[in-house]
Amino acid sequence: MLKHKLTAPVRSIIEKVDPKLASVFVPWALKHPRYMKGFARISAAHLKTKKLRKNLEENGVKVPPFMILSVTSTCNLSCSGCYASATMKEDHDCTKHSELGLDGWKKIISEACDCGVMGFVIAGGEPFMQEGIIEMCTEFKDRLFIIVTNGTTLTGNDLETLSRASNIAVLVSIEGDERSTNIRRGKGVHDKAVSALEKLAASGVPTGISATVTRDNFEYWMEESSVSGFIEKGATIAVFIEKIPIDGKGEGTMLTNEEKGAFRSCVISYRENLPVYVIHSPGDEEFFGGCVSAGKGFVHVTPTGNLTACPVSDVSVGNVTKTGLSECLKSGLFRYIRENHSMLETGDTPCALFGRSEELKGIAEKL
């Protein structure tokens, strides 16, 4: 009875945010009643956080609706072209012993909630190698958490804990078929990732896939049957991120402009025809006037607490554990990036800030 009372108002609020989101997740939540309560709490918080962010912006603090938290640099895989590994090498403070513990992350999340942040993307490294990460997310019941995992470290205890949560979604990273996944991530990873996806879905956890799109695998993802196959395995979310070359390597794996256009057409078709919520970067950013980093849509926190514009940027504007989140968000560099549209235009690359590290450092020193 309760789920039917909650359905209409929750659907109404979600539809105002995104009708496709409502069409995918409300029917799913009806099959998993614990998530109806979670959606109701999150929907109510959504309205409050919008007011908080508006009030703070009037006082010079631009608060994004989302934050990406790289909770650890530790990972059990060594994926080729890993931007997290590359940018963490540039973070001279980033060692295993200097990383924030759960108490540090809880303080950051609590301050972020007070500022009006609505959701958190938990990244790494491999997030599930941070002990207690699921329990931490469940403490903030009126906030949305999306955990991005390689799917190889999930334990039975993790699945049991997730099966009782009502504010967590889990995305499993996969490159496509067995060949392309194992080439990048290691032998046997594809089967483990698919198994994790299926187990998450069976546990009633909203789950999906996150794929790095390259010239090697984009044709695979342009086959509707490929995406439908993962939907049949339980995916309700599909995130496609075009390859960002790291350290000047991998430019040859980037999609050409013609390939970008063809892939974008497929993404739009999937949105219209498949029961899955699709996110495409950088394609979706066109609707927001370019990249949504630097507080426009999100910011990123490194394992040691440094605040950067996005996960591929190694230029920090301060450490949130020392300076405080709201103070760091007043950053002149972030404001400069947001106000100079050329900084947020992707052009021929999949990332607006890619390759601009030295330029950003120079600007930061002048501000």
Protein backbone atom coordinates (compact mmCIF):
# COMPACT_ATOMS: atom_id res chain seq x y z
CA MET A 1 0.00 0.00 0.00
CA LEU A 2 2.82 2.37 0.94
CA LYS A 3 4.59 2.02 -2.39
CA HIS A 4 1.43 3.03 -4.26
CA LYS A 5 1.01 6.13 -2.05
CA LEU A 6 4.61 7.13 -2.76
CA THR A 7 4.60 6.38 -6.49
CA ALA A 8 2.72 9.45 -7.77
CA PRO A 9 4.66 12.16 -5.91
CA VAL A 10 8.01 10.47 -6.52
CA ARG A 11 7.25 10.05 -10.22
CA SER A 12 6.16 13.69 -10.43
CA ILE A 13 9.40 14.97 -8.92
CA ILE A 14 11.64 12.69 -10.99
CA GLU A 15 9.80 13.59 -14.20
CA LYS A 16 10.56 17.25 -13.54
CA VAL A 17 14.24 16.35 -13.38
CA ASP A 18 14.21 13.92 -16.33
CA PRO A 19 11.18 12.09 -17.82
CA LYS A 20 13.41 9.24 -19.05
CA LEU A 21 14.76 8.76 -15.54
CA ALA A 22 11.19 8.38 -14.26
CA SER A 23 10.23 5.97 -17.05
CA VAL A 24 13.15 3.66 -16.21
CA PHE A 25 13.37 3.82 -12.43
CA VAL A 26 9.81 4.18 -11.15
CA PRO A 27 8.71 0.83 -12.67
CA TRP A 28 11.94 -0.72 -11.38
CA ALA A 29 11.38 0.69 -7.88
CA LEU A 30 7.86 -0.73 -7.77
CA LYS A 31 9.47 -4.16 -7.94
CA HIS A 32 11.86 -3.23 -5.14
CA PRO A 33 9.73 -1.45 -2.47
CA ARG A 34 12.65 -0.45 -0.25
CA TYR A 35 13.77 1.89 -3.01
CA MET A 36 10.42 3.67 -3.08
CA LYS A 37 11.15 4.96 0.43
CA GLY A 38 14.67 5.84 -0.63
CA PHE A 39 13.47 7.71 -3.71
CA ALA A 40 10.93 9.57 -1.59
CA ARG A 41 13.68 10.76 0.79
CA ILE A 42 16.02 11.66 -2.06
CA SER A 43 13.26 13.46 -3.98
CA ALA A 44 12.42 15.58 -0.93
CA ALA A 45 16.10 16.37 -0.41
CA HIS A 46 16.42 17.36 -4.08
CA LEU A 47 14.06 20.30 -3.56
CA LYS A 48 15.89 21.43 -0.41
CA THR A 49 19.34 21.21 -1.99
CA LYS A 50 18.30 23.36 -4.94
CA LYS A 51 17.38 26.16 -2.50
CA LEU A 52 20.62 25.71 -0.57
CA ARG A 53 22.74 25.92 -3.71
CA LYS A 54 20.86 29.00 -4.90
CA ASN A 55 21.33 30.80 -1.57
CA LEU A 56 25.05 30.01 -1.45
CA GLU A 57 25.57 31.09 -5.06
CA GLU A 58 24.13 34.49 -4.18
CA ASN A 59 26.92 34.68 -1.59
CA GLY A 60 29.68 33.77 -4.01
CA VAL A 61 29.83 30.00 -3.47
CA LYS A 62 29.05 27.89 -6.55
CA VAL A 63 27.98 24.48 -5.24
CA PRO A 64 27.53 21.67 -7.78
CA PRO A 65 24.70 19.13 -7.45
CA PHE A 66 27.22 16.26 -7.65
CA MET A 67 30.68 15.46 -6.33
CA ILE A 68 33.04 12.75 -7.53
CA LEU A 69 34.99 11.24 -4.64
CA SER A 70 38.06 9.15 -5.42
CA VAL A 71 38.03 7.38 -2.07
CA THR A 72 41.21 5.39 -2.64
CA SER A 73 44.09 5.07 -5.08
CA THR A 74 44.33 1.34 -4.35
CA CYS A 75 43.19 -0.97 -7.14
CA ASN A 76 43.62 -4.67 -7.83
CA LEU A 77 43.83 -4.11 -11.60
CA SER A 78 46.24 -2.19 -13.84
CA CYS A 79 44.02 -1.09 -16.72
CA SER A 80 45.75 0.53 -19.67
CA GLY A 81 44.98 4.23 -20.05
CA CYS A 82 43.61 4.60 -16.52
CA TYR A 83 43.14 8.34 -15.96
CA ALA A 84 42.78 7.86 -12.20
CA SER A 85 46.21 6.25 -11.99
CA ALA A 86 47.78 8.91 -14.21
CA THR A 87 46.38 11.91 -12.34
CA MET A 88 47.15 10.44 -8.93
CA LYS A 89 50.81 10.22 -9.93
CA GLU A 90 50.72 14.00 -10.24
CA ASP A 91 49.18 14.34 -6.78
CA HIS A 92 52.40 14.42 -4.77
CA ASP A 93 50.48 14.06 -1.51
CA CYS A 94 48.82 10.85 -2.67
CA THR A 95 50.26 7.83 -0.89
CA LYS A 96 48.39 5.02 0.76
CA HIS A 97 49.29 6.37 4.20
CA SER A 98 48.17 9.92 3.39
CA GLU A 99 44.76 8.95 2.03
CA LEU A 100 41.66 9.96 3.94
CA GLY A 101 40.00 7.31 6.06
CA LEU A 102 36.25 6.81 6.35
CA ASP A 103 35.98 9.45 9.07
CA GLY A 104 37.58 11.98 6.75
CA TRP A 105 35.21 11.12 3.92
CA LYS A 106 32.20 11.30 6.22
CA LYS A 107 33.17 14.83 7.24
CA ILE A 108 33.52 15.87 3.60
CA ILE A 109 30.16 14.35 2.67
CA SER A 110 28.47 15.92 5.68
CA GLU A 111 29.80 19.39 4.78
CA ALA A 112 28.81 18.83 1.15
CA CYS A 113 25.26 17.94 2.22
CA ASP A 114 25.08 21.12 4.27
CA CYS A 115 26.11 23.06 1.15
CA GLY A 116 23.44 21.44 -1.02
CA VAL A 117 25.24 18.63 -2.84
CA MET A 118 22.63 16.09 -3.91
CA GLY A 119 24.63 13.08 -5.06
CA PHE A 120 28.05 11.50 -4.89
CA VAL A 121 29.91 9.35 -7.42
CA ILE A 122 32.24 7.04 -5.51
CA ALA A 123 35.32 6.22 -7.58
CA GLY A 124 38.89 5.10 -7.03
CA GLY A 125 41.09 3.15 -7.53
CA GLU A 126 38.65 0.40 -6.70
CA PRO A 127 36.04 1.70 -4.21
CA PHE A 128 35.20 -1.69 -2.72
CA MET A 129 38.79 -2.01 -1.52
CA GLN A 130 37.95 0.80 0.92
CA GLU A 131 36.53 -1.15 3.84
CA GLY A 132 33.19 0.15 5.12
CA ILE A 133 32.37 2.17 2.00
CA ILE A 134 28.84 0.76 1.66
CA GLU A 135 27.98 1.41 5.29
CA MET A 136 29.27 4.97 4.94
CA CYS A 137 26.93 5.62 2.01
CA THR A 138 23.92 4.25 3.88
CA GLU A 139 24.50 6.73 6.73
CA PHE A 140 23.41 9.57 4.42
CA LYS A 141 19.99 8.15 3.57
CA ASP A 142 18.63 11.21 1.75
CA ARG A 143 21.54 11.43 -0.70
CA LEU A 144 22.19 9.42 -3.84
CA PHE A 145 25.43 7.43 -4.14
CA ILE A 146 26.71 5.87 -7.35
CA ILE A 147 29.63 3.48 -6.87
CA VAL A 148 31.78 2.74 -9.93
CA THR A 149 33.57 -0.61 -9.66
CA ASN A 150 35.57 -2.99 -11.82
CA GLY A 151 33.35 -5.75 -10.43
CA THR A 152 36.10 -8.14 -9.40
CA THR A 153 36.27 -7.53 -5.65
CA LEU A 154 32.60 -7.67 -4.63
CA THR A 155 32.06 -10.16 -1.80
CA GLY A 156 28.96 -11.96 -0.60
CA ASN A 157 28.93 -9.65 2.44
CA ASP A 158 29.03 -6.61 0.14
CA LEU A 159 26.04 -7.90 -1.80
CA GLU A 160 24.15 -8.65 1.39
CA THR A 161 24.74 -5.13 2.70
CA LEU A 162 23.81 -3.58 -0.64
CA SER A 163 20.60 -5.63 -0.72
CA ARG A 164 19.38 -3.68 2.32
CA ALA A 165 20.40 -0.23 1.04
CA SER A 166 17.97 2.17 -0.61
CA ASN A 167 20.17 5.02 -1.84
CA ILE A 168 23.00 3.28 -3.71
CA ALA A 169 23.42 2.38 -7.37
CA VAL A 170 26.44 0.43 -8.65
CA LEU A 171 28.01 0.74 -12.10
CA VAL A 172 30.29 -2.02 -13.36
CA SER A 173 33.09 -0.97 -15.72
CA ILE A 174 33.24 -3.06 -18.87
CA GLU A 175 34.69 -2.36 -22.32
CA GLY A 176 32.23 -4.48 -24.29
CA ASP A 177 32.86 -8.06 -25.35
CA GLU A 178 35.30 -10.46 -23.70
CA ARG A 179 38.16 -9.57 -26.04
CA SER A 180 38.08 -5.79 -25.62
CA THR A 181 37.48 -5.97 -21.86
CA ASN A 182 40.27 -8.42 -21.14
CA ILE A 183 42.75 -6.59 -23.41
CA ARG A 184 42.38 -3.44 -21.35
CA ARG A 185 41.60 -4.84 -17.91
CA GLY A 186 43.25 -8.26 -17.74
CA LYS A 187 42.57 -11.92 -18.37
CA GLY A 188 39.27 -13.16 -16.96
CA VAL A 189 38.00 -9.70 -15.95
CA HIS A 190 35.10 -9.70 -18.44
CA ASP A 191 33.43 -12.77 -16.93
CA LYS A 192 33.91 -11.44 -13.38
CA ALA A 193 32.43 -8.09 -14.33
CA VAL A 194 29.38 -9.66 -16.00
CA SER A 195 28.90 -11.94 -13.01
CA ALA A 196 29.03 -8.95 -10.65
CA LEU A 197 26.39 -7.15 -12.74
CA GLU A 198 24.07 -10.14 -12.60
CA LYS A 199 24.57 -10.64 -8.85
CA LEU A 200 23.88 -6.96 -8.15
CA ALA A 201 20.68 -7.09 -10.19
CA ALA A 202 19.60 -10.29 -8.44
CA SER A 203 20.17 -8.55 -5.07
CA GLY A 204 17.76 -5.78 -6.07
CA VAL A 205 20.48 -3.15 -6.48
CA PRO A 206 20.02 -0.61 -9.29
CA THR A 207 22.99 -1.36 -11.50
CA GLY A 208 24.42 -0.76 -14.91
CA ILE A 209 27.55 -0.53 -17.01
CA SER A 210 30.23 2.09 -17.57
CA ALA A 211 32.20 1.81 -20.79
CA THR A 212 35.15 3.71 -22.21
CA VAL A 213 34.37 4.16 -25.91
CA THR A 214 37.29 3.85 -28.33
CA ARG A 215 37.84 3.17 -32.02
CA ASP A 216 38.33 -0.46 -30.99
CA ASN A 217 34.92 -0.99 -29.40
CA PHE A 218 32.54 1.74 -30.60
CA GLU A 219 31.07 -0.45 -33.33
CA TYR A 220 30.23 -3.07 -30.69
CA TRP A 221 28.31 -0.47 -28.70
CA MET A 222 26.57 0.74 -31.86
CA GLU A 223 24.88 -2.67 -32.11
CA GLU A 224 21.57 -2.39 -30.26
CA SER A 225 21.79 -6.08 -29.41
CA SER A 226 24.97 -5.43 -27.41
CA VAL A 227 23.23 -2.92 -25.15
CA SER A 228 20.07 -5.06 -24.99
CA GLY A 229 22.20 -8.00 -23.85
CA PHE A 230 23.33 -6.08 -20.78
CA ILE A 231 19.78 -4.90 -20.11
CA GLU A 232 18.73 -8.56 -20.05
CA LYS A 233 21.44 -9.16 -17.45
CA GLY A 234 19.92 -6.45 -15.24
CA ALA A 235 21.44 -3.15 -16.36
CA THR A 236 19.17 -0.12 -15.96
CA ILE A 237 21.96 2.43 -16.57
CA ALA A 238 24.50 2.66 -19.40
CA VAL A 239 27.31 5.22 -19.18
CA PHE A 240 29.45 5.79 -22.27
CA ILE A 241 32.59 7.91 -21.86
CA GLU A 242 34.66 8.59 -24.96
CA LYS A 243 38.34 7.77 -24.51
CA ILE A 244 40.52 10.49 -22.99
CA PRO A 245 44.19 9.88 -23.89
CA ILE A 246 46.53 10.08 -20.92
CA ASP A 247 50.09 11.46 -20.97
CA GLY A 248 49.93 12.06 -24.72
CA LYS A 249 49.28 8.37 -25.36
CA GLY A 250 46.32 6.80 -27.10
CA GLU A 251 45.30 9.61 -29.46
CA GLY A 252 44.87 6.96 -32.15
CA THR A 253 42.14 5.30 -30.11
CA MET A 254 39.95 8.44 -30.03
CA LEU A 255 36.85 8.51 -32.21
CA THR A 256 37.02 10.61 -35.36
CA ASN A 257 34.43 13.36 -35.80
CA GLU A 258 32.51 11.14 -38.21
CA GLU A 259 32.54 8.26 -35.74
CA LYS A 260 31.46 10.59 -32.94
CA GLY A 261 28.42 11.64 -34.96
CA ALA A 262 27.45 8.07 -35.78
CA PHE A 263 27.85 6.98 -32.16
CA ARG A 264 25.85 9.94 -30.91
CA SER A 265 22.96 8.96 -33.19
CA CYS A 266 22.95 5.49 -31.63
CA VAL A 267 22.91 6.94 -28.12
CA ILE A 268 19.86 9.05 -28.96
CA SER A 269 18.16 5.99 -30.45
CA TYR A 270 18.84 3.94 -27.31
CA ARG A 271 17.31 6.69 -25.18
CA GLU A 272 14.16 6.65 -27.26
CA ASN A 273 13.77 2.92 -27.71
CA LEU A 274 15.42 0.97 -24.91
CA PRO A 275 14.43 0.64 -21.21
CA VAL A 276 17.75 1.98 -19.97
CA TYR A 277 18.97 5.34 -18.71
CA VAL A 278 21.87 6.41 -20.94
CA ILE A 279 24.59 8.94 -20.12
CA HIS A 280 27.07 9.95 -22.81
CA SER A 281 30.17 12.09 -22.30
CA PRO A 282 30.97 14.43 -23.92
CA GLY A 283 27.85 14.29 -26.10
CA ASP A 284 25.40 15.19 -23.35
CA GLU A 285 27.45 18.22 -22.33
CA GLU A 286 26.35 20.10 -25.43
CA PHE A 287 23.03 20.74 -23.70
CA PHE A 288 24.82 22.44 -20.81
CA GLY A 289 27.03 24.68 -22.92
CA GLY A 290 30.07 22.43 -22.66
CA CYS A 291 31.84 20.61 -19.85
CA VAL A 292 30.07 20.73 -16.47
CA SER A 293 33.19 20.46 -14.30
CA ALA A 294 34.62 23.13 -11.95
CA GLY A 295 31.37 23.35 -9.99
CA LYS A 296 29.04 23.84 -12.95
CA GLY A 297 27.74 20.30 -12.48
CA PHE A 298 30.36 18.56 -10.37
CA VAL A 299 33.78 18.78 -8.76
CA HIS A 300 36.25 16.08 -7.79
CA VAL A 301 38.05 15.21 -4.55
CA THR A 302 41.28 13.17 -4.65
CA PRO A 303 42.09 10.39 -2.14
CA THR A 304 44.00 12.92 -0.03
CA GLY A 305 41.23 15.53 -0.02
CA ASN A 306 42.45 17.87 -2.75
CA LEU A 307 39.68 19.55 -4.76
CA THR A 308 40.05 19.55 -8.55
CA ALA A 309 37.77 20.61 -11.39
CA CYS A 310 37.32 17.02 -12.58
CA PRO A 311 38.97 13.59 -12.25
CA VAL A 312 41.29 14.17 -15.24
CA SER A 313 42.60 17.48 -13.92
CA ASP A 314 45.55 17.41 -11.52
CA VAL A 315 45.34 21.12 -10.60
CA SER A 316 44.08 21.47 -7.03
CA VAL A 317 42.43 24.59 -5.64
CA GLY A 318 42.93 23.50 -2.03
CA ASN A 319 42.47 20.65 0.39
CA VAL A 320 38.91 20.43 1.70
CA THR A 321 40.01 18.82 4.97
CA LYS A 322 42.22 21.81 5.76
CA THR A 323 40.44 24.75 4.12
CA GLY A 324 36.85 23.53 4.09
CA LEU A 325 34.69 22.68 1.09
CA SER A 326 32.75 25.94 0.85
CA GLU A 327 35.96 27.98 0.96
CA CYS A 328 37.57 25.83 -1.75
CA LEU A 329 34.48 26.19 -3.94
CA LYS A 330 35.03 29.95 -4.00
CA SER A 331 38.12 29.24 -6.08
CA GLY A 332 39.04 31.91 -8.59
CA LEU A 333 40.27 29.17 -10.93
CA PHE A 334 36.89 27.41 -10.91
CA ARG A 335 35.16 30.73 -11.55
CA TYR A 336 37.55 31.49 -14.41
CA ILE A 337 36.89 28.08 -16.01
CA ARG A 338 33.11 28.52 -15.75
CA GLU A 339 33.10 32.09 -17.07
CA ASN A 340 35.45 31.46 -20.00
CA HIS A 341 33.42 29.21 -22.25
CA SER A 342 36.43 28.27 -24.37
CA MET A 343 37.77 26.40 -21.34
CA LEU A 344 34.67 24.21 -21.32
CA GLU A 345 34.41 23.51 -25.03
CA THR A 346 35.55 20.00 -25.91
CA GLY A 347 36.40 20.80 -29.53
CA ASP A 348 38.03 17.76 -31.16
CA THR A 349 38.83 16.09 -27.84
CA PRO A 350 36.48 14.24 -25.46
CA CYS A 351 37.57 16.41 -22.51
CA ALA A 352 37.64 20.20 -22.32
CA LEU A 353 40.38 20.36 -19.68
CA PHE A 354 42.46 17.55 -21.14
CA GLY A 355 45.93 18.77 -22.05
CA ARG A 356 45.51 22.12 -20.27
CA SER A 357 47.29 21.29 -17.05
CA GLU A 358 50.10 23.81 -17.47
CA GLU A 359 47.68 26.49 -18.66
CA LEU A 360 45.46 25.91 -15.61
CA LYS A 361 48.44 26.03 -13.26
CA GLY A 362 49.51 29.33 -14.78
CA ILE A 363 46.05 30.81 -14.40
CA ALA A 364 45.78 29.58 -10.81
CA GLU A 365 49.05 31.29 -9.90
CA LYS A 366 47.82 34.62 -11.26
CA LEU A 367 44.45 34.57 -9.48
